[in-house]
């Protein structure tokens, strides 16, 4: 199968659907659940540790598992909702779904509601990838969880989600193009680039040996 990014048939509908999908995804992704759950526990997660709104920093800032777990589930649900709603309201097209997913991850990382400072995007990206293509998303998530369990670095797990998604997307396209779309590769590459950009401080600390590990106490 040749490399073609298939689009909706009508050019006008294509542009409208892709724009709407990206905007829908971004606005859903930009809902700062970590910040909101932190507020429920009486803290502003932006003033603690990394200042991010992801589950890891909610855990560290609050010292409690429940708000972190709620944040993780809600952040993952943002990507799922973006893809499913875009498919339902707009068009069941791989391009529309991928743009909605990319928008959700970008909204989570750079939320307009919190002056463009959110989380790292790992949880949102991992579950969104599963919705887009479980053959790619499930092994990527499992490898990332293993990396986190082995290293206890959340940042490495986030990067692993992205890199594994790129690798598996490309491999699946080369081996079984009938089971995937090149838009899955576009999603994986774009969210991985975004996560690498936002994780620059973590990568610096990893090189310096000062990155903080996940602990249960």
C-alpha atoms as a PDB file:
ATOM      1  CA  UNK A   1       0.000   0.000   0.000  1.00  0.00           C
ATOM      2  CA  UNK A   2       1.476   3.396  -0.947  1.00  0.00           C
ATOM      3  CA  UNK A   3       2.051   6.070   1.654  1.00  0.00           C
ATOM      4  CA  UNK A   4      -1.051   8.261   1.429  1.00  0.00           C
ATOM      5  CA  UNK A   5      -2.670  10.389   4.082  1.00  0.00           C
ATOM      6  CA  UNK A   6      -6.293   9.812   3.182  1.00  0.00           C
ATOM      7  CA  UNK A   7      -8.557  12.778   3.773  1.00  0.00           C
ATOM      8  CA  UNK A   8     -12.337  13.275   3.755  1.00  0.00           C
ATOM      9  CA  UNK A   9     -13.533  13.489   0.158  1.00  0.00           C
ATOM     10  CA  UNK A  10     -14.717  17.116   0.023  1.00  0.00           C
ATOM     11  CA  UNK A  11     -11.904  19.693   0.454  1.00  0.00           C
ATOM     12  CA  UNK A  12     -14.151  22.085   2.361  1.00  0.00           C
ATOM     13  CA  UNK A  13     -15.434  19.356   4.641  1.00  0.00           C
ATOM     14  CA  UNK A  14     -11.868  18.120   5.126  1.00  0.00           C
ATOM     15  CA  UNK A  15     -10.615  21.458   6.370  1.00  0.00           C
ATOM     16  CA  UNK A  16     -13.646  22.053   8.562  1.00  0.00           C
ATOM     17  CA  UNK A  17     -13.556  18.596  10.123  1.00  0.00           C
ATOM     18  CA  UNK A  18      -9.818  18.629  10.794  1.00  0.00           C
ATOM     19  CA  UNK A  19      -9.950  22.109  12.296  1.00  0.00           C
ATOM     20  CA  UNK A  20     -12.960  21.251  14.439  1.00  0.00           C
ATOM     21  CA  UNK A  21     -11.356  17.994  15.589  1.00  0.00           C
ATOM     22  CA  UNK A  22      -8.126  19.702  16.609  1.00  0.00           C
ATOM     23  CA  UNK A  23     -10.005  22.483  18.435  1.00  0.00           C
ATOM     24  CA  UNK A  24     -12.340  20.034  20.163  1.00  0.00           C
ATOM     25  CA  UNK A  25      -9.408  17.917  21.261  1.00  0.00           C
ATOM     26  CA  UNK A  26      -7.455  20.905  22.492  1.00  0.00           C
ATOM     27  CA  UNK A  27     -10.306  22.323  24.577  1.00  0.00           C
ATOM     28  CA  UNK A  28     -11.009  18.940  26.177  1.00  0.00           C
ATOM     29  CA  UNK A  29      -7.326  18.328  26.776  1.00  0.00           C
ATOM     30  CA  UNK A  30      -6.900  21.769  28.298  1.00  0.00           C
ATOM     31  CA  UNK A  31      -9.290  21.006  31.173  1.00  0.00           C
ATOM     32  CA  UNK A  32      -6.799  21.049  34.091  1.00  0.00           C
ATOM     33  CA  UNK A  33      -8.072  18.149  36.157  1.00  0.00           C
ATOM     34  CA  UNK A  34      -4.878  17.915  38.178  1.00  0.00           C
ATOM     35  CA  UNK A  35      -5.186  21.547  39.188  1.00  0.00           C
ATOM     36  CA  UNK A  36      -8.888  21.121  40.000  1.00  0.00           C
ATOM     37  CA  UNK A  37      -8.386  17.986  42.099  1.00  0.00           C
ATOM     38  CA  UNK A  38      -5.476  19.674  43.841  1.00  0.00           C
ATOM     39  CA  UNK A  39      -7.763  22.541  44.765  1.00  0.00           C
ATOM     40  CA  UNK A  40     -10.246  20.083  46.229  1.00  0.00           C
ATOM     41  CA  UNK A  41      -7.448  18.899  48.520  1.00  0.00           C
ATOM     42  CA  UNK A  42      -6.529  22.481  49.365  1.00  0.00           C
ATOM     43  CA  UNK A  43      -3.343  22.823  47.323  1.00  0.00           C
ATOM     44  CA  UNK A  44      -2.197  24.589  44.189  1.00  0.00           C
ATOM     45  CA  UNK A  45      -0.075  21.989  42.390  1.00  0.00           C
ATOM     46  CA  UNK A  46       1.557  24.746  40.344  1.00  0.00           C
ATOM     47  CA  UNK A  47       3.350  25.889  43.490  1.00  0.00           C
ATOM     48  CA  UNK A  48       4.876  22.497  44.270  1.00  0.00           C
ATOM     49  CA  UNK A  49       7.666  20.350  42.829  1.00  0.00           C
ATOM     50  CA  UNK A  50       7.656  20.546  39.010  1.00  0.00           C
ATOM     51  CA  UNK A  51       4.600  22.796  38.936  1.00  0.00           C
ATOM     52  CA  UNK A  52       2.891  20.499  36.443  1.00  0.00           C
ATOM     53  CA  UNK A  53      -0.721  19.372  36.676  1.00  0.00           C
ATOM     54  CA  UNK A  54      -0.140  15.688  35.918  1.00  0.00           C
ATOM     55  CA  UNK A  55      -0.841  12.816  38.277  1.00  0.00           C
ATOM     56  CA  UNK A  56       2.769  12.452  39.450  1.00  0.00           C
ATOM     57  CA  UNK A  57       3.007  16.033  40.638  1.00  0.00           C
ATOM     58  CA  UNK A  58      -0.478  15.902  42.181  1.00  0.00           C
ATOM     59  CA  UNK A  59       0.723  12.889  44.172  1.00  0.00           C
ATOM     60  CA  UNK A  60       3.876  14.640  45.304  1.00  0.00           C
ATOM     61  CA  UNK A  61       2.148  17.921  46.072  1.00  0.00           C
ATOM     62  CA  UNK A  62      -0.761  16.411  48.004  1.00  0.00           C
ATOM     63  CA  UNK A  63       0.995  13.397  49.476  1.00  0.00           C
ATOM     64  CA  UNK A  64      -2.159  11.400  48.761  1.00  0.00           C
ATOM     65  CA  UNK A  65      -2.898   8.686  46.228  1.00  0.00           C
ATOM     66  CA  UNK A  66      -6.598   9.434  45.655  1.00  0.00           C
ATOM     67  CA  UNK A  67      -6.271  12.859  43.965  1.00  0.00           C
ATOM     68  CA  UNK A  68      -3.404  11.522  41.864  1.00  0.00           C
ATOM     69  CA  UNK A  69      -5.468   8.500  40.772  1.00  0.00           C
ATOM     70  CA  UNK A  70      -8.432  10.718  39.931  1.00  0.00           C
ATOM     71  CA  UNK A  71      -6.153  12.977  37.921  1.00  0.00           C
ATOM     72  CA  UNK A  72      -4.663  10.055  36.022  1.00  0.00           C
ATOM     73  CA  UNK A  73      -8.086   8.679  35.088  1.00  0.00           C
ATOM     74  CA  UNK A  74      -9.478  12.079  34.126  1.00  0.00           C
ATOM     75  CA  UNK A  75      -6.443  13.029  32.054  1.00  0.00           C
ATOM     76  CA  UNK A  76      -6.634   9.721  30.195  1.00  0.00           C
ATOM     77  CA  UNK A  77     -10.361  10.190  29.628  1.00  0.00           C
ATOM     78  CA  UNK A  78      -9.755  13.543  27.918  1.00  0.00           C
ATOM     79  CA  UNK A  79      -8.026  11.910  24.977  1.00  0.00           C
ATOM     80  CA  UNK A  80     -10.576   9.109  24.762  1.00  0.00           C
ATOM     81  CA  UNK A  81     -13.452  11.579  24.791  1.00  0.00           C
ATOM     82  CA  UNK A  82     -11.805  13.774  22.155  1.00  0.00           C
ATOM     83  CA  UNK A  83     -11.363  10.906  19.699  1.00  0.00           C
ATOM     84  CA  UNK A  84     -14.778   9.330  20.266  1.00  0.00           C
ATOM     85  CA  UNK A  85     -16.678  12.617  20.109  1.00  0.00           C
ATOM     86  CA  UNK A  86     -14.815  13.684  16.968  1.00  0.00           C
ATOM     87  CA  UNK A  87     -15.643  10.372  15.292  1.00  0.00           C
ATOM     88  CA  UNK A  88     -19.286  10.698  16.302  1.00  0.00           C
ATOM     89  CA  UNK A  89     -19.921  14.375  15.612  1.00  0.00           C
ATOM     90  CA  UNK A  90     -17.615  14.969  12.662  1.00  0.00           C
ATOM     91  CA  UNK A  91     -16.515  11.942  10.663  1.00  0.00           C
ATOM     92  CA  UNK A  92     -15.179   8.437  11.409  1.00  0.00           C
ATOM     93  CA  UNK A  93     -11.967   9.181   9.546  1.00  0.00           C
ATOM     94  CA  UNK A  94      -8.402   8.396  10.736  1.00  0.00           C
ATOM     95  CA  UNK A  95      -7.311  11.972  10.071  1.00  0.00           C
ATOM     96  CA  UNK A  96     -10.122  13.427  12.168  1.00  0.00           C
ATOM     97  CA  UNK A  97      -9.459  11.000  15.025  1.00  0.00           C
ATOM     98  CA  UNK A  98      -5.711  11.641  14.984  1.00  0.00           C
ATOM     99  CA  UNK A  99      -6.117  15.425  14.977  1.00  0.00           C
ATOM    100  CA  UNK A 100      -8.543  15.214  17.898  1.00  0.00           C
ATOM    101  CA  UNK A 101      -6.047  13.070  19.794  1.00  0.00           C
ATOM    102  CA  UNK A 102      -3.146  15.379  19.037  1.00  0.00           C
ATOM    103  CA  UNK A 103      -5.243  18.342  20.148  1.00  0.00           C
ATOM    104  CA  UNK A 104      -6.059  16.606  23.434  1.00  0.00           C
ATOM    105  CA  UNK A 105      -2.406  15.919  24.233  1.00  0.00           C
ATOM    106  CA  UNK A 106      -1.338  19.431  23.260  1.00  0.00           C
ATOM    107  CA  UNK A 107      -4.171  20.901  25.305  1.00  0.00           C
ATOM    108  CA  UNK A 108      -3.063  18.885  28.318  1.00  0.00           C
ATOM    109  CA  UNK A 109       0.552  20.014  27.950  1.00  0.00           C
ATOM    110  CA  UNK A 110      -0.227  23.647  27.096  1.00  0.00           C
ATOM    111  CA  UNK A 111      -3.685  24.449  28.536  1.00  0.00           C
ATOM    112  CA  UNK A 112      -5.024  27.891  27.712  1.00  0.00           C
ATOM    113  CA  UNK A 113      -6.857  27.930  31.061  1.00  0.00           C
ATOM    114  CA  UNK A 114      -3.589  27.801  33.061  1.00  0.00           C
ATOM    115  CA  UNK A 115      -1.384  30.068  30.972  1.00  0.00           C
ATOM    116  CA  UNK A 116      -0.180  27.131  28.876  1.00  0.00           C
ATOM    117  CA  UNK A 117       1.415  25.195  31.711  1.00  0.00           C
ATOM    118  CA  UNK A 118      -0.053  21.732  32.219  1.00  0.00           C
ATOM    119  CA  UNK A 119       1.239  18.189  32.474  1.00  0.00           C
ATOM    120  CA  UNK A 120       3.734  16.157  30.478  1.00  0.00           C
ATOM    121  CA  UNK A 121       1.080  14.305  28.485  1.00  0.00           C
ATOM    122  CA  UNK A 122       2.111  10.694  29.045  1.00  0.00           C
ATOM    123  CA  UNK A 123      -1.173   9.363  30.410  1.00  0.00           C
ATOM    124  CA  UNK A 124      -3.289  11.253  27.898  1.00  0.00           C
ATOM    125  CA  UNK A 125      -1.110  10.151  24.989  1.00  0.00           C
ATOM    126  CA  UNK A 126      -0.958   6.492  26.071  1.00  0.00           C
ATOM    127  CA  UNK A 127      -4.696   5.940  26.355  1.00  0.00           C
ATOM    128  CA  UNK A 128      -5.466   8.034  23.276  1.00  0.00           C
ATOM    129  CA  UNK A 129      -3.082   5.839  21.287  1.00  0.00           C
ATOM    130  CA  UNK A 130      -4.982   2.773  22.480  1.00  0.00           C
ATOM    131  CA  UNK A 131      -8.257   4.253  21.214  1.00  0.00           C
ATOM    132  CA  UNK A 132      -6.680   5.147  17.866  1.00  0.00           C
ATOM    133  CA  UNK A 133      -5.087   1.714  17.437  1.00  0.00           C
ATOM    134  CA  UNK A 134      -4.893  -0.800  20.306  1.00  0.00           C
ATOM    135  CA  UNK A 135      -2.301  -2.875  18.431  1.00  0.00           C
ATOM    136  CA  UNK A 136       0.053   0.086  18.831  1.00  0.00           C
ATOM    137  CA  UNK A 137      -1.227   1.571  22.057  1.00  0.00           C
ATOM    138  CA  UNK A 138      -1.395  -1.460  24.339  1.00  0.00           C
ATOM    139  CA  UNK A 139       2.215  -2.658  23.925  1.00  0.00           C
ATOM    140  CA  UNK A 140       3.451   0.941  24.125  1.00  0.00           C
ATOM    141  CA  UNK A 141       1.670   1.411  27.445  1.00  0.00           C
ATOM    142  CA  UNK A 142       2.865  -1.933  28.825  1.00  0.00           C
ATOM    143  CA  UNK A 143       6.488  -1.129  27.971  1.00  0.00           C
ATOM    144  CA  UNK A 144       6.140   2.317  29.540  1.00  0.00           C
ATOM    145  CA  UNK A 145       4.702   0.816  32.733  1.00  0.00           C
ATOM    146  CA  UNK A 146       7.611  -1.622  32.881  1.00  0.00           C
ATOM    147  CA  UNK A 147      10.091   1.243  32.454  1.00  0.00           C
ATOM    148  CA  UNK A 148       8.399   3.177  35.259  1.00  0.00           C
ATOM    149  CA  UNK A 149       8.339   0.141  37.543  1.00  0.00           C
ATOM    150  CA  UNK A 150      11.987  -0.661  36.835  1.00  0.00           C
ATOM    151  CA  UNK A 151      13.438   2.870  36.909  1.00  0.00           C
ATOM    152  CA  UNK A 152      10.805   4.656  39.060  1.00  0.00           C
ATOM    153  CA  UNK A 153      11.180   7.697  36.805  1.00  0.00           C
ATOM    154  CA  UNK A 154       7.809   9.003  35.583  1.00  0.00           C
ATOM    155  CA  UNK A 155       9.545  11.101  32.940  1.00  0.00           C
ATOM    156  CA  UNK A 156      11.149   8.019  31.375  1.00  0.00           C
ATOM    157  CA  UNK A 157       7.773   6.334  31.239  1.00  0.00           C
ATOM    158  CA  UNK A 158       6.301   9.344  29.463  1.00  0.00           C
ATOM    159  CA  UNK A 159       9.085   9.352  26.887  1.00  0.00           C
ATOM    160  CA  UNK A 160       8.731   5.602  26.427  1.00  0.00           C
ATOM    161  CA  UNK A 161       5.037   5.957  25.618  1.00  0.00           C
ATOM    162  CA  UNK A 162       5.914   8.356  22.832  1.00  0.00           C
ATOM    163  CA  UNK A 163       8.933   6.576  21.383  1.00  0.00           C
ATOM    164  CA  UNK A 164       7.322   3.132  21.557  1.00  0.00           C
ATOM    165  CA  UNK A 165       4.234   4.541  19.873  1.00  0.00           C
ATOM    166  CA  UNK A 166       6.336   5.850  16.991  1.00  0.00           C
ATOM    167  CA  UNK A 167       8.211   2.562  16.602  1.00  0.00           C
ATOM    168  CA  UNK A 168       5.132   0.339  16.762  1.00  0.00           C
ATOM    169  CA  UNK A 169       3.137   2.631  14.456  1.00  0.00           C
ATOM    170  CA  UNK A 170       5.835   2.471  11.806  1.00  0.00           C
ATOM    171  CA  UNK A 171       6.345  -1.279  12.190  1.00  0.00           C
ATOM    172  CA  UNK A 172       2.628  -1.983  11.916  1.00  0.00           C
ATOM    173  CA  UNK A 173       2.362   0.212   8.839  1.00  0.00           C
ATOM    174  CA  UNK A 174       5.264  -1.633   7.191  1.00  0.00           C
ATOM    175  CA  UNK A 175       4.089  -5.119   8.145  1.00  0.00           C
ATOM    176  CA  UNK A 176       0.294  -4.848   8.127  1.00  0.00           C
ATOM    177  CA  UNK A 177      -0.850  -1.587   6.524  1.00  0.00           C
ATOM    178  CA  UNK A 178      -4.378  -2.972   6.375  1.00  0.00           C
ATOM    179  CA  UNK A 179      -4.554  -2.787  10.172  1.00  0.00           C
ATOM    180  CA  UNK A 180      -3.512   0.836  10.590  1.00  0.00           C
ATOM    181  CA  UNK A 181      -3.338   4.284   9.062  1.00  0.00           C
ATOM    182  CA  UNK A 182      -0.381   6.612   8.505  1.00  0.00           C
ATOM    183  CA  UNK A 183      -2.295   9.063  10.659  1.00  0.00           C
ATOM    184  CA  UNK A 184      -1.380   6.899  13.640  1.00  0.00           C
ATOM    185  CA  UNK A 185       2.261   7.638  12.829  1.00  0.00           C
ATOM    186  CA  UNK A 186       1.462  11.348  12.580  1.00  0.00           C
ATOM    187  CA  UNK A 187      -0.175  11.210  16.007  1.00  0.00           C
ATOM    188  CA  UNK A 188       2.727   9.329  17.580  1.00  0.00           C
ATOM    189  CA  UNK A 189       5.396  11.618  16.135  1.00  0.00           C
ATOM    190  CA  UNK A 190       3.632  14.867  17.000  1.00  0.00           C
ATOM    191  CA  UNK A 191       2.846  13.937  20.594  1.00  0.00           C
ATOM    192  CA  UNK A 192       6.347  12.554  21.126  1.00  0.00           C
ATOM    193  CA  UNK A 193       7.890  15.809  19.933  1.00  0.00           C
ATOM    194  CA  UNK A 194       5.601  17.746  22.292  1.00  0.00           C
ATOM    195  CA  UNK A 195       6.520  15.525  25.244  1.00  0.00           C
ATOM    196  CA  UNK A 196      10.237  15.813  24.521  1.00  0.00           C
ATOM    197  CA  UNK A 197       9.918  19.596  24.455  1.00  0.00           C
ATOM    198  CA  UNK A 198       8.046  19.794  27.750  1.00  0.00           C
ATOM    199  CA  UNK A 199      10.314  17.252  29.463  1.00  0.00           C
ATOM    200  CA  UNK A 200      13.553  19.135  28.797  1.00  0.00           C
ATOM    201  CA  UNK A 201      14.026  19.979  32.513  1.00  0.00           C
ATOM    202  CA  UNK A 202      13.535  16.300  33.398  1.00  0.00           C
ATOM    203  CA  UNK A 203      15.986  15.173  30.732  1.00  0.00           C
ATOM    204  CA  UNK A 204      18.523  17.628  32.106  1.00  0.00           C
ATOM    205  CA  UNK A 205      18.056  16.269  35.621  1.00  0.00           C
ATOM    206  CA  UNK A 206      18.327  12.702  34.345  1.00  0.00           C
ATOM    207  CA  UNK A 207      21.697  13.532  32.782  1.00  0.00           C
ATOM    208  CA  UNK A 208      22.796  15.178  36.021  1.00  0.00           C
ATOM    209  CA  UNK A 209      21.513  12.315  38.160  1.00  0.00           C
ATOM    210  CA  UNK A 210      19.155  14.582  40.110  1.00  0.00           C
ATOM    211  CA  UNK A 211      15.787  13.491  38.713  1.00  0.00           C
ATOM    212  CA  UNK A 212      13.412  12.515  41.505  1.00  0.00           C
ATOM    213  CA  UNK A 213      12.111   8.956  41.536  1.00  0.00           C
ATOM    214  CA  UNK A 214       8.549   7.895  42.251  1.00  0.00           C
ATOM    215  CA  UNK A 215       8.166   6.654  45.810  1.00  0.00           C
ATOM    216  CA  UNK A 216       5.224   5.146  47.664  1.00  0.00           C
ATOM    217  CA  UNK A 217       5.933   7.048  50.855  1.00  0.00           C
END
